C-alpha atoms as a PDB file:
ATOM      1  CA  MET A   1      94.354   6.722 192.562  1.00  0.00           C
ATOM      2  CA  SER A   2      92.239   9.068 190.599  1.00  0.00           C
ATOM      3  CA  GLU A   3      95.042  10.354 188.243  1.00  0.00           C
ATOM      4  CA  THR A   4      96.072   6.611 187.344  1.00  0.00           C
ATOM      5  CA  SER A   5      94.597   3.785 184.807  1.00  0.00           C
ATOM      6  CA  GLY A   6      93.209   2.234 187.980  1.00  0.00           C
ATOM      7  CA  LYS A   7      90.366   4.930 188.206  1.00  0.00           C
ATOM      8  CA  ILE A   8      87.771   2.634 186.291  1.00  0.00           C
ATOM      9  CA  VAL A   9      88.910  -0.369 188.269  1.00  0.00           C
ATOM     10  CA  ASP A  10      88.492   1.348 191.515  1.00  0.00           C
ATOM     11  CA  ARG A  11      84.950   2.476 190.665  1.00  0.00           C
ATOM     12  CA  TRP A  12      83.792  -0.845 189.345  1.00  0.00           C
ATOM     13  CA  GLY A  13      85.316  -2.585 192.311  1.00  0.00           C
ATOM     14  CA  ARG A  14      83.803  -0.514 195.106  1.00  0.00           C
ATOM     15  CA  GLY A  15      80.264  -0.646 193.201  1.00  0.00           C
ATOM     16  CA  VAL A  16      80.407  -4.468 193.058  1.00  0.00           C
ATOM     17  CA  ILE A  17      81.545  -4.631 196.824  1.00  0.00           C
ATOM     18  CA  LEU A  18      78.794  -2.107 197.569  1.00  0.00           C
ATOM     19  CA  VAL A  19      76.246  -4.255 195.860  1.00  0.00           C
ATOM     20  CA  ILE A  20      77.617  -7.411 197.517  1.00  0.00           C
ATOM     21  CA  ILE A  21      76.866  -6.013 200.854  1.00  0.00           C
ATOM     22  CA  LEU A  22      73.667  -4.471 200.022  1.00  0.00           C
ATOM     23  CA  CYS A  23      72.131  -7.723 198.849  1.00  0.00           C
ATOM     24  CA  THR A  24      73.390  -9.584 201.970  1.00  0.00           C
ATOM     25  CA  PHE A  25      72.243  -6.756 204.399  1.00  0.00           C
ATOM     26  CA  PRO A  26      68.699  -7.944 204.676  1.00  0.00           C
ATOM     27  CA  SER A  27      69.477 -11.400 205.279  1.00  0.00           C
ATOM     28  CA  VAL A  28      71.734 -10.557 208.179  1.00  0.00           C
ATOM     29  CA  SER A  29      70.273 -10.537 211.791  1.00  0.00           C
ATOM     30  CA  THR A  30      71.184  -7.736 214.232  1.00  0.00           C
ATOM     31  CA  ASN A  31      73.515 -10.277 216.285  1.00  0.00           C
ATOM     32  CA  ASP A  32      75.543 -10.499 213.229  1.00  0.00           C
ATOM     33  CA  MET A  33      75.584  -7.006 211.940  1.00  0.00           C
ATOM     34  CA  ASN A  34      79.177  -6.397 213.585  1.00  0.00           C
ATOM     35  CA  TRP A  35      80.309  -9.317 211.546  1.00  0.00           C
ATOM     36  CA  LEU A  36      78.846  -7.834 208.203  1.00  0.00           C
ATOM     37  CA  LEU A  37      80.643  -4.557 209.024  1.00  0.00           C
ATOM     38  CA  ILE A  38      83.821  -6.170 209.833  1.00  0.00           C
ATOM     39  CA  LEU A  39      83.623  -8.039 206.461  1.00  0.00           C
ATOM     40  CA  TYR A  40      82.617  -4.813 204.614  1.00  0.00           C
ATOM     41  CA  LEU A  41      85.777  -3.056 206.054  1.00  0.00           C
ATOM     42  CA  ILE A  42      88.073  -5.833 205.016  1.00  0.00           C
ATOM     43  CA  LEU A  43      86.741  -5.938 201.569  1.00  0.00           C
ATOM     44  CA  LEU A  44      86.679  -2.358 200.960  1.00  0.00           C
ATOM     45  CA  LEU A  45      90.262  -1.492 202.653  1.00  0.00           C
ATOM     46  CA  GLY A  46      91.746  -4.775 201.221  1.00  0.00           C
ATOM     47  CA  PHE A  47      90.647  -3.822 197.627  1.00  0.00           C
ATOM     48  CA  GLN A  48      91.775  -0.159 198.016  1.00  0.00           C
ATOM     49  CA  SER A  49      95.118  -1.467 199.192  1.00  0.00           C
ATOM     50  CA  ILE A  50      95.597  -3.908 196.435  1.00  0.00           C
ATOM     51  CA  LEU A  51      94.820  -1.137 193.870  1.00  0.00           C
ATOM     52  CA  GLU A  52      97.248   1.215 195.711  1.00  0.00           C
ATOM     53  CA  TRP A  53     100.182  -1.456 195.635  1.00  0.00           C
ATOM     54  CA  LYS A  54      99.247  -2.197 191.851  1.00  0.00           C
ATOM     55  CA  TYR A  55      98.845   1.274 190.536  1.00  0.00           C
ATOM     56  CA  LEU A  56     100.799   3.623 192.875  1.00  0.00           C
ATOM     57  CA  LYS A  57     104.173   1.807 192.298  1.00  0.00           C
ATOM     58  CA  ASN A  58     106.741   4.362 193.786  1.00  0.00           C
ATOM     59  CA  SER A  59     104.390   4.750 196.859  1.00  0.00           C
ATOM     60  CA  LYS A  60     104.006   2.959 200.164  1.00  0.00           C
ATOM     61  CA  GLN A  61     100.497   4.182 200.654  1.00  0.00           C
ATOM     62  CA  TYR A  62      99.061   0.708 200.776  1.00  0.00           C
ATOM     63  CA  VAL A  63     101.014   0.009 203.933  1.00  0.00           C
ATOM     64  CA  THR A  64      98.928   2.805 205.753  1.00  0.00           C
ATOM     65  CA  THR A  65      95.715   1.273 204.239  1.00  0.00           C
ATOM     66  CA  LEU A  66      96.557  -2.221 205.630  1.00  0.00           C
ATOM     67  CA  ILE A  67      97.239  -0.625 209.134  1.00  0.00           C
ATOM     68  CA  PHE A  68      93.854   1.147 209.064  1.00  0.00           C
ATOM     69  CA  LEU A  69      92.415  -2.093 208.013  1.00  0.00           C
ATOM     70  CA  ILE A  70      93.916  -4.120 210.841  1.00  0.00           C
ATOM     71  CA  LEU A  71      93.161  -1.469 213.601  1.00  0.00           C
ATOM     72  CA  GLY A  72      89.504  -1.054 212.175  1.00  0.00           C
ATOM     73  CA  VAL A  73      88.959  -4.804 212.283  1.00  0.00           C
ATOM     74  CA  ILE A  74      90.285  -5.029 215.889  1.00  0.00           C
ATOM     75  CA  ILE A  75      88.289  -1.867 217.077  1.00  0.00           C
ATOM     76  CA  MET A  76      85.193  -3.274 215.206  1.00  0.00           C
ATOM     77  CA  TYR A  77      85.634  -6.877 216.751  1.00  0.00           C
ATOM     78  CA  ASN A  78      85.697  -5.095 220.324  1.00  0.00           C
ATOM     79  CA  ILE A  79      82.801  -2.236 219.888  1.00  0.00           C
ATOM     80  CA  GLU A  80      80.698  -3.856 222.241  1.00  0.00           C
ATOM     81  CA  TYR A  81      83.271  -3.919 225.046  1.00  0.00           C
ATOM     82  CA  PHE A  82      83.973  -0.142 224.306  1.00  0.00           C
ATOM     83  CA  PHE A  83      80.360   0.773 224.696  1.00  0.00           C
ATOM     84  CA  GLN A  84      80.067  -1.257 228.139  1.00  0.00           C
ATOM     85  CA  LEU A  85      82.830   0.971 229.874  1.00  0.00           C
END
């Protein structure tokens, strides 16, 4: 991604996502922290996969990112169950 014209879009997008998450972080209770992390994962990996699809035309790397997104959401949703084992 850093070798394409999407480098600037990638940096700005990640910065905006980080600012949004950091602004909402103080207002989230500890019970809802898991949902904030899931939202952050969806925003970050979803944005990355869109950029990979748009700027890496001959690559299917965005499919790998989407698979990691799905697996990450499933794991984050069930993280409490894994700690209880």
